[in-house]
Amino acid sequence: MPTLSIVIPASVDAGLRATTKRRGTSLDSIVVAALSDYLDSELHRMYQISTSSALVEGVYSGSISSRLLMEHGDFGLGTFENLDGEMVVVDGAIYQVQSNGTVIHRQDDFPIPFAVITRFQGDEVFETEPIGCLSDLVLACDPHRESPNLFYAFRVDGLFERVHARAVSGVATGTRLVDAAKKQGEFEFSNIEGTLVCIWSPSYSSAFNIPGYHFHFISKDRTKGGHLLDLKAPTLQVGIQMLCEYDVRLPDEGTFLTADLSRDPASDLAKTE
């Protein structure tokens, strides 16, 4: 079997040795069990910055750095300060889709107001029948969700006959989401290869996340993208990952601390999606 040499704090070493003595087992077995549990947990964990309630109420100032975000995953979506575009995180990189549908690869360290990310590794991969519209894709994905009470990440790859997408443009801090959504660009792409990044959230999570399917598109060459409104495709390959651990990082400074987040955001989220 492979061997691994690591340096650990003295306190961890003492804890390991005390546990092996108490359980009457080997140091190797304790370390293997701990690592297996940790790695399995990482595969089913989502990390989120701020909440959907804050977005609805116009809290768009960045609070957590993109560097910190990317320590927690390689696949996800979100937005930028003052809603300046749609965020797509795929293959460990952050892309900013502007209001005209063009894409910037963000490699700098910048503050983020809202994002959801995970380490994507599909538990299952399946191929769809021909997809005529967004509802067809939803119907194709639904049976593969084990429960309506867990979260899921979907990665959808293929050649798209048509993609109808949108992207918001920057607004003033404090502009409510339903008003900000009125200021957005819509565009269509034809015969384009790309990827859909999706997080599915249960209905009960509306105070924290965006319920249902939330798809962002990015082209294979990473030059076009947006929040998905509709699509058509001959067939698509879909990977699905169940997420049962939810780590939320709340801002500890800025407008989040004083905003009134007591309203139920569900109806406003439905309007903007």
C-alpha atoms as a PDB file:
ATOM      1  CA  MET A   1       0.000   0.000   0.000  1.00  0.00           C
ATOM      2  CA  PRO A   2       1.160   3.600  -0.570  1.00  0.00           C
ATOM      3  CA  THR A   3       2.791   5.433   2.333  1.00  0.00           C
ATOM      4  CA  LEU A   4       2.352   9.079   3.268  1.00  0.00           C
ATOM      5  CA  SER A   5       4.755  11.231   5.291  1.00  0.00           C
ATOM      6  CA  ILE A   6       3.252  14.372   6.818  1.00  0.00           C
ATOM      7  CA  VAL A   7       4.021  16.909   9.529  1.00  0.00           C
ATOM      8  CA  ILE A   8       1.287  17.402  12.145  1.00  0.00           C
ATOM      9  CA  PRO A   9       1.047  19.533  15.327  1.00  0.00           C
ATOM     10  CA  ALA A  10       2.078  17.899  18.578  1.00  0.00           C
ATOM     11  CA  SER A  11      -1.474  18.256  19.910  1.00  0.00           C
ATOM     12  CA  VAL A  12      -2.885  16.249  16.975  1.00  0.00           C
ATOM     13  CA  ASP A  13      -0.189  13.604  17.425  1.00  0.00           C
ATOM     14  CA  ALA A  14      -1.065  13.275  21.118  1.00  0.00           C
ATOM     15  CA  GLY A  15      -4.771  12.986  20.282  1.00  0.00           C
ATOM     16  CA  LEU A  16      -4.115  10.282  17.687  1.00  0.00           C
ATOM     17  CA  ARG A  17      -2.013   8.213  20.048  1.00  0.00           C
ATOM     18  CA  ALA A  18      -4.519   8.552  22.867  1.00  0.00           C
ATOM     19  CA  THR A  19      -7.313   7.418  20.517  1.00  0.00           C
ATOM     20  CA  THR A  20      -5.379   4.372  19.278  1.00  0.00           C
ATOM     21  CA  LYS A  21      -4.677   3.331  22.873  1.00  0.00           C
ATOM     22  CA  ARG A  22      -8.307   3.816  23.940  1.00  0.00           C
ATOM     23  CA  ARG A  23      -9.711   1.923  20.954  1.00  0.00           C
ATOM     24  CA  GLY A  24      -6.994  -0.711  20.832  1.00  0.00           C
ATOM     25  CA  THR A  25      -6.378  -0.148  17.130  1.00  0.00           C
ATOM     26  CA  SER A  26      -3.507   0.993  14.927  1.00  0.00           C
ATOM     27  CA  LEU A  27      -2.483   4.538  14.121  1.00  0.00           C
ATOM     28  CA  ASP A  28      -2.797   3.711  10.416  1.00  0.00           C
ATOM     29  CA  SER A  29      -6.442   2.673  10.718  1.00  0.00           C
ATOM     30  CA  ILE A  30      -7.405   5.841  12.627  1.00  0.00           C
ATOM     31  CA  VAL A  31      -5.738   8.121  10.063  1.00  0.00           C
ATOM     32  CA  VAL A  32      -7.248   6.253   7.083  1.00  0.00           C
ATOM     33  CA  ALA A  33     -10.728   6.424   8.620  1.00  0.00           C
ATOM     34  CA  ALA A  34     -10.392  10.139   9.383  1.00  0.00           C
ATOM     35  CA  LEU A  35      -9.129  10.973   5.888  1.00  0.00           C
ATOM     36  CA  SER A  36     -11.821   8.863   4.214  1.00  0.00           C
ATOM     37  CA  ASP A  37     -14.539  10.596   6.204  1.00  0.00           C
ATOM     38  CA  TYR A  38     -13.121  14.037   5.408  1.00  0.00           C
ATOM     39  CA  LEU A  39     -12.702  13.408   1.688  1.00  0.00           C
ATOM     40  CA  ASP A  40     -16.189  11.908   1.350  1.00  0.00           C
ATOM     41  CA  SER A  41     -17.620  14.932   3.166  1.00  0.00           C
ATOM     42  CA  GLU A  42     -15.870  17.343   0.781  1.00  0.00           C
ATOM     43  CA  LEU A  43     -17.604  15.685  -2.168  1.00  0.00           C
ATOM     44  CA  HIS A  44     -21.029  16.548  -0.774  1.00  0.00           C
ATOM     45  CA  ARG A  45     -20.419  19.997   0.701  1.00  0.00           C
ATOM     46  CA  MET A  46     -21.481  23.373  -0.658  1.00  0.00           C
ATOM     47  CA  TYR A  47     -19.979  26.669   0.472  1.00  0.00           C
ATOM     48  CA  GLN A  48     -21.969  29.879   0.185  1.00  0.00           C
ATOM     49  CA  ILE A  49     -21.238  33.567   0.643  1.00  0.00           C
ATOM     50  CA  SER A  50     -24.119  35.653   2.077  1.00  0.00           C
ATOM     51  CA  THR A  51     -27.817  34.884   1.453  1.00  0.00           C
ATOM     52  CA  SER A  52     -30.538  35.277  -1.149  1.00  0.00           C
ATOM     53  CA  SER A  53     -32.482  37.479   1.302  1.00  0.00           C
ATOM     54  CA  ALA A  54     -29.599  39.939   1.279  1.00  0.00           C
ATOM     55  CA  LEU A  55     -29.575  39.999  -2.540  1.00  0.00           C
ATOM     56  CA  VAL A  56     -33.334  40.637  -2.672  1.00  0.00           C
ATOM     57  CA  GLU A  57     -32.928  43.618  -0.358  1.00  0.00           C
ATOM     58  CA  GLY A  58     -30.101  45.163  -2.378  1.00  0.00           C
ATOM     59  CA  VAL A  59     -27.048  44.117  -0.342  1.00  0.00           C
ATOM     60  CA  TYR A  60     -24.559  43.910  -3.210  1.00  0.00           C
ATOM     61  CA  SER A  61     -21.308  45.051  -1.607  1.00  0.00           C
ATOM     62  CA  GLY A  62     -18.579  42.422  -1.667  1.00  0.00           C
ATOM     63  CA  SER A  63     -17.495  40.997   1.650  1.00  0.00           C
ATOM     64  CA  ILE A  64     -15.572  37.756   1.083  1.00  0.00           C
ATOM     65  CA  SER A  65     -12.568  37.539  -1.232  1.00  0.00           C
ATOM     66  CA  SER A  66     -12.578  35.428  -4.374  1.00  0.00           C
ATOM     67  CA  ARG A  67      -9.369  33.808  -3.143  1.00  0.00           C
ATOM     68  CA  LEU A  68     -11.170  32.527  -0.049  1.00  0.00           C
ATOM     69  CA  LEU A  69     -14.133  31.382  -2.148  1.00  0.00           C
ATOM     70  CA  MET A  70     -11.933  29.272  -4.403  1.00  0.00           C
ATOM     71  CA  GLU A  71     -10.415  27.487  -1.423  1.00  0.00           C
ATOM     72  CA  HIS A  72     -13.795  25.787  -1.039  1.00  0.00           C
ATOM     73  CA  GLY A  73     -14.552  24.512  -4.521  1.00  0.00           C
ATOM     74  CA  ASP A  74     -14.142  24.596  -8.293  1.00  0.00           C
ATOM     75  CA  PHE A  75     -17.729  24.702  -9.575  1.00  0.00           C
ATOM     76  CA  GLY A  76     -20.585  27.088  -8.885  1.00  0.00           C
ATOM     77  CA  LEU A  77     -22.263  30.401  -9.575  1.00  0.00           C
ATOM     78  CA  GLY A  78     -22.972  33.802  -8.092  1.00  0.00           C
ATOM     79  CA  THR A  79     -22.719  37.489  -8.855  1.00  0.00           C
ATOM     80  CA  PHE A  80     -20.345  40.439  -8.518  1.00  0.00           C
ATOM     81  CA  GLU A  81     -20.329  43.690  -6.592  1.00  0.00           C
ATOM     82  CA  ASN A  82     -23.367  45.837  -7.457  1.00  0.00           C
ATOM     83  CA  LEU A  83     -24.686  42.947  -9.592  1.00  0.00           C
ATOM     84  CA  ASP A  84     -22.118  43.709 -12.274  1.00  0.00           C
ATOM     85  CA  GLY A  85     -22.651  40.541 -14.304  1.00  0.00           C
ATOM     86  CA  GLU A  86     -23.274  36.831 -13.802  1.00  0.00           C
ATOM     87  CA  MET A  87     -20.641  34.603 -12.161  1.00  0.00           C
ATOM     88  CA  VAL A  88     -19.773  31.186 -13.551  1.00  0.00           C
ATOM     89  CA  VAL A  89     -17.241  29.024 -11.710  1.00  0.00           C
ATOM     90  CA  VAL A  90     -16.159  25.997 -13.725  1.00  0.00           C
ATOM     91  CA  ASP A  91     -13.007  23.867 -13.828  1.00  0.00           C
ATOM     92  CA  GLY A  92     -11.549  25.920 -10.990  1.00  0.00           C
ATOM     93  CA  ALA A  93     -11.805  29.325 -12.703  1.00  0.00           C
ATOM     94  CA  ILE A  94     -14.106  32.334 -12.191  1.00  0.00           C
ATOM     95  CA  TYR A  95     -15.762  33.960 -15.218  1.00  0.00           C
ATOM     96  CA  GLN A  96     -17.705  37.224 -15.269  1.00  0.00           C
ATOM     97  CA  VAL A  97     -20.456  37.392 -17.876  1.00  0.00           C
ATOM     98  CA  GLN A  98     -21.151  41.009 -18.760  1.00  0.00           C
ATOM     99  CA  SER A  99     -24.508  42.504 -19.709  1.00  0.00           C
ATOM    100  CA  ASN A 100     -23.777  41.984 -23.433  1.00  0.00           C
ATOM    101  CA  GLY A 101     -23.016  38.276 -22.993  1.00  0.00           C
ATOM    102  CA  THR A 102     -19.255  38.537 -23.318  1.00  0.00           C
ATOM    103  CA  VAL A 103     -16.994  36.956 -20.703  1.00  0.00           C
ATOM    104  CA  ILE A 104     -14.029  38.065 -18.616  1.00  0.00           C
ATOM    105  CA  HIS A 105     -11.787  35.487 -16.944  1.00  0.00           C
ATOM    106  CA  ARG A 106     -11.251  36.949 -13.469  1.00  0.00           C
ATOM    107  CA  GLN A 107      -7.833  36.035 -12.130  1.00  0.00           C
ATOM    108  CA  ASP A 108      -7.527  38.863  -9.619  1.00  0.00           C
ATOM    109  CA  ASP A 109      -8.551  38.761  -5.959  1.00  0.00           C
ATOM    110  CA  PHE A 110     -11.802  40.695  -5.504  1.00  0.00           C
ATOM    111  CA  PRO A 111     -14.697  40.895  -2.995  1.00  0.00           C
ATOM    112  CA  ILE A 112     -17.843  38.864  -3.684  1.00  0.00           C
ATOM    113  CA  PRO A 113     -21.386  39.663  -2.446  1.00  0.00           C
ATOM    114  CA  PHE A 114     -22.992  36.263  -3.165  1.00  0.00           C
ATOM    115  CA  ALA A 115     -21.814  32.907  -4.499  1.00  0.00           C
ATOM    116  CA  VAL A 116     -22.350  29.152  -4.105  1.00  0.00           C
ATOM    117  CA  ILE A 117     -19.548  26.708  -4.832  1.00  0.00           C
ATOM    118  CA  THR A 118     -18.658  23.027  -4.461  1.00  0.00           C
ATOM    119  CA  ARG A 119     -15.994  20.552  -5.549  1.00  0.00           C
ATOM    120  CA  PHE A 120     -17.776  18.902  -8.416  1.00  0.00           C
ATOM    121  CA  GLN A 121     -17.485  15.166  -8.903  1.00  0.00           C
ATOM    122  CA  GLY A 122     -20.594  13.623 -10.365  1.00  0.00           C
ATOM    123  CA  ASP A 123     -22.217  10.809  -8.397  1.00  0.00           C
ATOM    124  CA  GLU A 124     -24.000   9.874 -11.628  1.00  0.00           C
ATOM    125  CA  VAL A 125     -23.741  10.815 -15.310  1.00  0.00           C
ATOM    126  CA  PHE A 126     -26.609  10.402 -17.778  1.00  0.00           C
ATOM    127  CA  GLU A 127     -27.521  11.455 -21.314  1.00  0.00           C
ATOM    128  CA  THR A 128     -30.759  13.245 -22.154  1.00  0.00           C
ATOM    129  CA  GLU A 129     -33.197  12.786 -24.998  1.00  0.00           C
ATOM    130  CA  PRO A 130     -33.548  15.785 -27.365  1.00  0.00           C
ATOM    131  CA  ILE A 131     -34.181  18.979 -25.383  1.00  0.00           C
ATOM    132  CA  GLY A 132     -36.647  21.434 -26.906  1.00  0.00           C
ATOM    133  CA  CYS A 133     -36.842  23.957 -24.060  1.00  0.00           C
ATOM    134  CA  LEU A 134     -35.788  24.586 -20.478  1.00  0.00           C
ATOM    135  CA  SER A 135     -38.775  22.637 -19.135  1.00  0.00           C
ATOM    136  CA  ASP A 136     -37.540  19.543 -21.010  1.00  0.00           C
ATOM    137  CA  LEU A 137     -34.159  19.808 -19.291  1.00  0.00           C
ATOM    138  CA  VAL A 138     -35.832  20.185 -15.897  1.00  0.00           C
ATOM    139  CA  LEU A 139     -37.971  17.094 -16.560  1.00  0.00           C
ATOM    140  CA  ALA A 140     -34.861  15.150 -17.594  1.00  0.00           C
ATOM    141  CA  CYS A 141     -33.030  16.110 -14.387  1.00  0.00           C
ATOM    142  CA  ASP A 142     -35.887  15.692 -11.907  1.00  0.00           C
ATOM    143  CA  PRO A 143     -35.889  11.852 -11.682  1.00  0.00           C
ATOM    144  CA  HIS A 144     -32.195  11.843 -10.806  1.00  0.00           C
ATOM    145  CA  ARG A 145     -32.685  13.853  -7.619  1.00  0.00           C
ATOM    146  CA  GLU A 146     -33.006  11.377  -4.777  1.00  0.00           C
ATOM    147  CA  SER A 147     -34.865  13.774  -2.477  1.00  0.00           C
ATOM    148  CA  PRO A 148     -36.643  17.153  -2.682  1.00  0.00           C
ATOM    149  CA  ASN A 149     -35.019  18.102   0.613  1.00  0.00           C
ATOM    150  CA  LEU A 150     -31.346  17.952  -0.369  1.00  0.00           C
ATOM    151  CA  PHE A 151     -29.247  20.232  -2.569  1.00  0.00           C
ATOM    152  CA  TYR A 152     -27.741  19.182  -5.900  1.00  0.00           C
ATOM    153  CA  ALA A 153     -25.126  20.382  -8.370  1.00  0.00           C
ATOM    154  CA  PHE A 154     -25.617  19.655 -12.082  1.00  0.00           C
ATOM    155  CA  ARG A 155     -23.022  19.973 -14.825  1.00  0.00           C
ATOM    156  CA  VAL A 156     -24.522  19.866 -18.320  1.00  0.00           C
ATOM    157  CA  ASP A 157     -22.213  19.643 -21.360  1.00  0.00           C
ATOM    158  CA  GLY A 158     -22.921  19.463 -25.066  1.00  0.00           C
ATOM    159  CA  LEU A 159     -23.673  21.193 -28.328  1.00  0.00           C
ATOM    160  CA  PHE A 160     -26.575  23.618 -27.971  1.00  0.00           C
ATOM    161  CA  GLU A 161     -28.697  24.505 -30.993  1.00  0.00           C
ATOM    162  CA  ARG A 162     -29.942  27.573 -29.159  1.00  0.00           C
ATOM    163  CA  VAL A 163     -29.207  29.301 -25.864  1.00  0.00           C
ATOM    164  CA  HIS A 164     -31.309  32.216 -24.615  1.00  0.00           C
ATOM    165  CA  ALA A 165     -29.537  33.937 -21.733  1.00  0.00           C
ATOM    166  CA  ARG A 166     -29.370  37.181 -19.827  1.00  0.00           C
ATOM    167  CA  ALA A 167     -26.943  39.081 -17.637  1.00  0.00           C
ATOM    168  CA  VAL A 168     -27.574  41.946 -15.271  1.00  0.00           C
ATOM    169  CA  SER A 169     -25.565  45.154 -15.419  1.00  0.00           C
ATOM    170  CA  GLY A 170     -24.274  47.130 -12.462  1.00  0.00           C
ATOM    171  CA  VAL A 171     -26.753  48.943 -10.220  1.00  0.00           C
ATOM    172  CA  ALA A 172     -26.472  51.151  -7.170  1.00  0.00           C
ATOM    173  CA  THR A 173     -26.158  49.441  -3.806  1.00  0.00           C
ATOM    174  CA  GLY A 174     -29.576  49.316  -2.175  1.00  0.00           C
ATOM    175  CA  THR A 175     -31.492  48.765  -5.424  1.00  0.00           C
ATOM    176  CA  ARG A 176     -33.882  45.912  -4.720  1.00  0.00           C
ATOM    177  CA  LEU A 177     -33.389  42.804  -6.840  1.00  0.00           C
ATOM    178  CA  VAL A 178     -36.754  43.027  -8.612  1.00  0.00           C
ATOM    179  CA  ASP A 179     -35.830  46.526  -9.791  1.00  0.00           C
ATOM    180  CA  ALA A 180     -32.284  45.563 -10.712  1.00  0.00           C
ATOM    181  CA  ALA A 181     -33.616  42.688 -12.847  1.00  0.00           C
ATOM    182  CA  LYS A 182     -35.337  45.213 -15.100  1.00  0.00           C
ATOM    183  CA  LYS A 183     -31.901  46.422 -16.185  1.00  0.00           C
ATOM    184  CA  GLN A 184     -30.399  43.448 -17.946  1.00  0.00           C
ATOM    185  CA  GLY A 185     -29.235  42.353 -21.351  1.00  0.00           C
ATOM    186  CA  GLU A 186     -30.762  39.373 -23.141  1.00  0.00           C
ATOM    187  CA  PHE A 187     -29.061  37.535 -25.996  1.00  0.00           C
ATOM    188  CA  GLU A 188     -29.158  34.309 -28.007  1.00  0.00           C
ATOM    189  CA  PHE A 189     -26.382  31.996 -29.122  1.00  0.00           C
ATOM    190  CA  SER A 190     -26.758  29.399 -31.873  1.00  0.00           C
ATOM    191  CA  ASN A 191     -24.932  26.105 -32.515  1.00  0.00           C
ATOM    192  CA  ILE A 192     -22.564  26.614 -29.617  1.00  0.00           C
ATOM    193  CA  GLU A 193     -20.655  24.127 -27.486  1.00  0.00           C
ATOM    194  CA  GLY A 194     -20.649  24.832 -23.800  1.00  0.00           C
ATOM    195  CA  THR A 195     -21.464  23.987 -20.219  1.00  0.00           C
ATOM    196  CA  LEU A 196     -24.362  24.700 -17.905  1.00  0.00           C
ATOM    197  CA  VAL A 197     -23.445  25.153 -14.244  1.00  0.00           C
ATOM    198  CA  CYS A 198     -26.461  24.522 -12.012  1.00  0.00           C
ATOM    199  CA  ILE A 199     -27.292  24.478  -8.323  1.00  0.00           C
ATOM    200  CA  TRP A 200     -30.686  23.032  -7.363  1.00  0.00           C
ATOM    201  CA  SER A 201     -32.048  24.109  -3.977  1.00  0.00           C
ATOM    202  CA  PRO A 202     -35.139  22.977  -2.026  1.00  0.00           C
ATOM    203  CA  SER A 203     -38.127  25.298  -1.648  1.00  0.00           C
ATOM    204  CA  TYR A 204     -37.541  25.653   2.091  1.00  0.00           C
ATOM    205  CA  SER A 205     -34.167  27.318   1.455  1.00  0.00           C
ATOM    206  CA  SER A 206     -35.489  30.560  -0.066  1.00  0.00           C
ATOM    207  CA  ALA A 207     -34.249  32.686   2.833  1.00  0.00           C
ATOM    208  CA  PHE A 208     -30.696  31.522   2.114  1.00  0.00           C
ATOM    209  CA  ASN A 209     -30.572  30.337  -1.482  1.00  0.00           C
ATOM    210  CA  ILE A 210     -32.490  30.483  -4.768  1.00  0.00           C
ATOM    211  CA  PRO A 211     -35.017  27.615  -4.838  1.00  0.00           C
ATOM    212  CA  GLY A 212     -35.234  25.263  -7.811  1.00  0.00           C
ATOM    213  CA  TYR A 213     -32.858  25.027 -10.760  1.00  0.00           C
ATOM    214  CA  HIS A 214     -30.430  27.925 -11.200  1.00  0.00           C
ATOM    215  CA  PHE A 215     -28.494  27.527 -14.475  1.00  0.00           C
ATOM    216  CA  HIS A 216     -25.622  29.653 -15.763  1.00  0.00           C
ATOM    217  CA  PHE A 217     -24.189  28.995 -19.245  1.00  0.00           C
ATOM    218  CA  ILE A 218     -20.645  29.407 -20.505  1.00  0.00           C
ATOM    219  CA  SER A 219     -19.331  28.505 -23.953  1.00  0.00           C
ATOM    220  CA  LYS A 220     -16.564  25.956 -24.424  1.00  0.00           C
ATOM    221  CA  ASP A 221     -14.172  28.698 -25.547  1.00  0.00           C
ATOM    222  CA  ARG A 222     -15.159  30.768 -22.463  1.00  0.00           C
ATOM    223  CA  THR A 223     -16.161  33.839 -24.486  1.00  0.00           C
ATOM    224  CA  LYS A 224     -19.972  33.814 -24.133  1.00  0.00           C
ATOM    225  CA  GLY A 225     -22.361  33.086 -21.313  1.00  0.00           C
ATOM    226  CA  GLY A 226     -25.181  34.201 -19.049  1.00  0.00           C
ATOM    227  CA  HIS A 227     -28.040  33.202 -16.784  1.00  0.00           C
ATOM    228  CA  LEU A 228     -30.004  30.589 -18.723  1.00  0.00           C
ATOM    229  CA  LEU A 229     -33.555  31.472 -19.765  1.00  0.00           C
ATOM    230  CA  ASP A 230     -34.155  28.813 -22.428  1.00  0.00           C
ATOM    231  CA  LEU A 231     -32.348  26.329 -24.664  1.00  0.00           C
ATOM    232  CA  LYS A 232     -32.592  23.699 -27.366  1.00  0.00           C
ATOM    233  CA  ALA A 233     -30.207  20.785 -27.883  1.00  0.00           C
ATOM    234  CA  PRO A 234     -30.184  17.381 -29.635  1.00  0.00           C
ATOM    235  CA  THR A 235     -28.824  15.628 -26.538  1.00  0.00           C
ATOM    236  CA  LEU A 236     -26.819  16.632 -23.479  1.00  0.00           C
ATOM    237  CA  GLN A 237     -24.536  14.891 -20.993  1.00  0.00           C
ATOM    238  CA  VAL A 238     -25.484  15.617 -17.401  1.00  0.00           C
ATOM    239  CA  GLY A 239     -23.499  14.979 -14.244  1.00  0.00           C
ATOM    240  CA  ILE A 240     -25.257  15.214 -10.876  1.00  0.00           C
ATOM    241  CA  GLN A 241     -23.779  15.555  -7.410  1.00  0.00           C
ATOM    242  CA  MET A 242     -25.771  15.385  -4.183  1.00  0.00           C
ATOM    243  CA  LEU A 243     -24.949  18.081  -1.617  1.00  0.00           C
ATOM    244  CA  CYS A 244     -25.917  17.464   2.001  1.00  0.00           C
ATOM    245  CA  GLU A 245     -23.478  19.714   3.884  1.00  0.00           C
ATOM    246  CA  TYR A 246     -24.203  23.430   3.732  1.00  0.00           C
ATOM    247  CA  ASP A 247     -21.514  25.892   4.889  1.00  0.00           C
ATOM    248  CA  VAL A 248     -22.697  29.524   4.833  1.00  0.00           C
ATOM    249  CA  ARG A 249     -20.237  32.383   5.349  1.00  0.00           C
ATOM    250  CA  LEU A 250     -22.071  35.551   6.431  1.00  0.00           C
ATOM    251  CA  PRO A 251     -20.517  39.007   5.978  1.00  0.00           C
ATOM    252  CA  ASP A 252     -19.260  40.479   9.254  1.00  0.00           C
ATOM    253  CA  GLU A 253     -19.143  44.065   8.018  1.00  0.00           C
ATOM    254  CA  GLY A 254     -20.892  46.471   5.645  1.00  0.00           C
ATOM    255  CA  THR A 255     -24.561  46.887   4.769  1.00  0.00           C
ATOM    256  CA  PHE A 256     -25.399  43.255   5.546  1.00  0.00           C
ATOM    257  CA  LEU A 257     -25.219  44.052   9.266  1.00  0.00           C
ATOM    258  CA  THR A 258     -27.931  46.727   9.158  1.00  0.00           C
ATOM    259  CA  ALA A 259     -30.177  45.519   6.303  1.00  0.00           C
ATOM    260  CA  ASP A 260     -33.729  44.416   7.124  1.00  0.00           C
ATOM    261  CA  LEU A 261     -33.762  40.760   6.063  1.00  0.00           C
ATOM    262  CA  SER A 262     -37.006  39.817   7.829  1.00  0.00           C
ATOM    263  CA  ARG A 263     -39.179  39.632   4.693  1.00  0.00           C
ATOM    264  CA  ASP A 264     -39.793  36.320   2.924  1.00  0.00           C
ATOM    265  CA  PRO A 265     -37.847  36.668  -0.371  1.00  0.00           C
ATOM    266  CA  ALA A 266     -39.585  33.789  -2.186  1.00  0.00           C
ATOM    267  CA  SER A 267     -41.957  35.865  -4.347  1.00  0.00           C
ATOM    268  CA  ASP A 268     -39.234  38.315  -5.414  1.00  0.00           C
ATOM    269  CA  LEU A 269     -36.869  35.472  -6.268  1.00  0.00           C
ATOM    270  CA  ALA A 270     -39.560  33.840  -8.406  1.00  0.00           C
ATOM    271  CA  LYS A 271     -40.024  37.083 -10.349  1.00  0.00           C
ATOM    272  CA  THR A 272     -36.323  37.562 -11.019  1.00  0.00           C
ATOM    273  CA  GLU A 273     -35.657  33.946 -12.029  1.00  0.00           C
END
